[in-house]
Amino acid sequence: MSIWWSLHLRREAASVPLARRLLLGTMETAGVDPDISYDLSVALSEACANAVEHGGGTVQGASSEAYRVTAYLDGEKCRIEVTDSGPGFGPAPAPRPVRTDAEHGRGLFLIRELADHVHIGNKPGREGTVVSFDKILKWREDAPLMAV
């Protein structure tokens, strides 16, 4: 069974826990292992926080005050995409060491540590960034939607 959802959220700090709670609720209902759910929810929170902080820009002359989160649970994998309308990146940012006591700059590092595969790039042909990541799922024994 496949599940997917997409949210169009305002670039406000209050949107981050909303996206996180929806992901956690979906994964709990589907029967995903809580440790996997937690890892993905932290990665999602970091990606959303980056979109809120850095994802502003102009789209056809108007400022963009929103970003999009899409999650796919399909078979044995969960894929999450966070898309904003900010200035985007130059070349893809290379992984860099981050101090463990740093207040900022750890988001992409954490996403890379918590997910199995991460892609960070610009939206094709437009301003904005797409952060996508996926993780192989583990299921609880009583999972109602367990992959076959």
Protein backbone atom coordinates (compact mmCIF):
# COMPACT_ATOMS: atom_id res chain seq x y z
CA MET A 1 0.00 0.00 0.00
CA SER A 2 1.17 3.51 -0.77
CA ILE A 3 0.40 6.70 1.13
CA TRP A 4 1.32 10.21 0.07
CA TRP A 5 0.38 13.69 1.12
CA SER A 6 1.41 17.21 0.27
CA LEU A 7 1.18 20.41 2.32
CA HIS A 8 1.44 24.01 1.19
CA LEU A 9 2.65 25.86 4.31
CA ARG A 10 3.33 29.47 5.25
CA ARG A 11 6.96 30.32 5.93
CA GLU A 12 6.31 30.65 9.66
CA ALA A 13 7.97 28.82 12.53
CA ALA A 14 4.59 27.39 13.62
CA SER A 15 4.39 25.38 10.38
CA VAL A 16 7.38 23.20 11.28
CA PRO A 17 5.75 21.22 14.13
CA LEU A 18 2.56 20.89 12.06
CA ALA A 19 4.45 19.09 9.28
CA ARG A 20 6.33 16.99 11.82
CA ARG A 21 3.14 15.91 13.64
CA LEU A 22 1.44 14.96 10.37
CA LEU A 23 4.41 12.81 9.37
CA LEU A 24 4.61 11.14 12.80
CA GLY A 25 0.85 10.47 12.81
CA THR A 26 0.94 8.98 9.33
CA MET A 27 3.86 6.73 10.19
CA GLU A 28 2.34 5.63 13.50
CA THR A 29 -0.96 4.78 11.80
CA ALA A 30 0.85 2.84 9.07
CA GLY A 31 2.88 0.90 11.65
CA VAL A 32 6.38 2.21 10.95
CA ASP A 33 8.99 1.49 13.61
CA PRO A 34 9.13 4.46 16.06
CA ASP A 35 12.91 4.90 15.73
CA ILE A 36 12.65 5.28 11.94
CA SER A 37 9.69 7.64 12.36
CA TYR A 38 11.66 9.77 14.82
CA ASP A 39 14.71 10.01 12.52
CA LEU A 40 12.56 11.09 9.58
CA SER A 41 10.61 13.59 11.69
CA VAL A 42 13.84 15.27 12.86
CA ALA A 43 15.13 15.40 9.28
CA LEU A 44 11.80 16.88 8.13
CA SER A 45 11.89 19.47 10.92
CA GLU A 46 15.38 20.56 9.84
CA ALA A 47 14.37 20.81 6.17
CA CYS A 48 11.25 22.82 7.07
CA ALA A 49 13.22 25.12 9.37
CA ASN A 50 15.63 25.82 6.50
CA ALA A 51 12.71 26.60 4.17
CA VAL A 52 11.22 28.96 6.75
CA GLU A 53 14.52 30.74 7.38
CA HIS A 54 16.06 30.78 3.89
CA GLY A 55 13.22 29.97 1.50
CA GLY A 56 11.93 33.43 0.72
CA GLY A 57 12.33 35.02 -2.63
CA THR A 58 10.37 36.48 -5.43
CA VAL A 59 8.22 34.53 -7.81
CA GLN A 60 7.13 36.59 -10.83
CA GLY A 61 7.67 39.84 -8.91
CA ALA A 62 5.84 38.81 -5.73
CA SER A 63 7.40 37.65 -2.51
CA SER A 64 6.88 33.99 -1.70
CA GLU A 65 5.62 33.33 1.77
CA ALA A 66 5.05 29.57 1.39
CA TYR A 67 6.83 26.27 0.94
CA ARG A 68 5.69 22.75 0.12
CA VAL A 69 6.22 19.45 1.93
CA THR A 70 5.43 16.15 0.22
CA ALA A 71 5.81 12.72 1.81
CA TYR A 72 5.55 9.33 0.12
CA LEU A 73 5.38 6.03 1.98
CA ASP A 74 5.66 3.43 -0.72
CA GLY A 75 6.48 -0.17 0.01
CA GLU A 76 9.70 -0.28 1.98
CA LYS A 77 10.74 3.35 1.62
CA CYS A 78 9.66 6.80 2.75
CA ARG A 79 10.62 9.77 0.56
CA ILE A 80 10.19 13.37 1.70
CA GLU A 81 10.59 16.54 -0.35
CA VAL A 82 10.65 20.10 0.93
CA THR A 83 10.50 22.78 -1.77
CA ASP A 84 10.82 26.52 -1.28
CA SER A 85 11.05 29.62 -3.47
CA GLY A 86 14.26 31.06 -2.09
CA PRO A 87 17.34 32.03 -4.08
CA GLY A 88 18.51 28.42 -4.34
CA PHE A 89 22.10 27.28 -4.17
CA GLY A 90 25.02 27.73 -6.49
CA PRO A 91 26.66 24.34 -6.92
CA ALA A 92 25.21 21.75 -4.53
CA PRO A 93 26.54 22.41 -1.04
CA ALA A 94 29.23 19.95 -0.07
CA PRO A 95 29.00 18.23 3.30
CA ARG A 96 31.09 20.10 5.83
CA PRO A 97 32.06 19.45 9.42
CA VAL A 98 29.78 21.09 11.94
CA ARG A 99 30.57 21.83 15.55
CA THR A 100 28.28 19.88 17.85
CA ASP A 101 27.59 22.99 19.94
CA ALA A 102 26.70 25.17 16.93
CA GLU A 103 23.36 26.98 17.13
CA HIS A 104 22.95 27.21 13.33
CA GLY A 105 24.21 25.39 10.26
CA ARG A 106 23.56 21.83 11.39
CA GLY A 107 20.34 21.17 9.47
CA LEU A 108 21.73 19.70 6.25
CA PHE A 109 24.32 17.75 8.25
CA LEU A 110 21.57 16.21 10.42
CA ILE A 111 19.42 15.36 7.40
CA ARG A 112 22.39 13.58 5.79
CA GLU A 113 23.04 11.64 9.01
CA LEU A 114 19.42 10.57 9.56
CA ALA A 115 18.38 9.64 6.02
CA ASP A 116 19.68 6.93 3.68
CA HIS A 117 19.84 9.10 0.57
CA VAL A 118 19.74 12.90 0.33
CA HIS A 119 19.51 15.20 -2.69
CA ILE A 120 19.75 18.98 -2.40
CA GLY A 121 19.34 21.09 -5.50
CA ASN A 122 17.61 23.94 -7.22
CA LYS A 123 14.14 23.70 -8.71
CA PRO A 124 14.50 23.15 -12.44
CA GLY A 125 14.17 26.41 -14.36
CA ARG A 126 12.95 28.48 -11.39
CA GLU A 127 14.12 30.03 -8.16
CA GLY A 128 13.98 27.77 -5.16
CA THR A 129 15.51 24.78 -3.48
CA VAL A 130 14.40 21.17 -3.26
CA VAL A 131 15.63 19.06 -0.36
CA SER A 132 14.63 15.43 -0.80
CA PHE A 133 15.59 12.48 1.32
CA ASP A 134 14.52 8.92 1.82
CA LYS A 135 14.91 6.11 4.28
CA ILE A 136 14.23 2.39 4.19
CA LEU A 137 11.34 1.63 6.53
CA LYS A 138 11.17 -0.91 9.32
CA TRP A 139 7.75 -1.99 10.52
CA ARG A 140 6.22 -2.88 13.86
CA GLU A 141 5.06 -6.49 14.08
CA ASP A 142 1.43 -5.33 14.32
CA ALA A 143 1.72 -2.86 11.42
CA PRO A 144 -1.60 -2.59 9.58
CA LEU A 145 -0.03 -1.29 6.36
CA MET A 146 3.23 -3.25 6.40
CA ALA A 147 4.93 -3.69 3.05
CA VAL A 148 4.63 -7.21 1.68
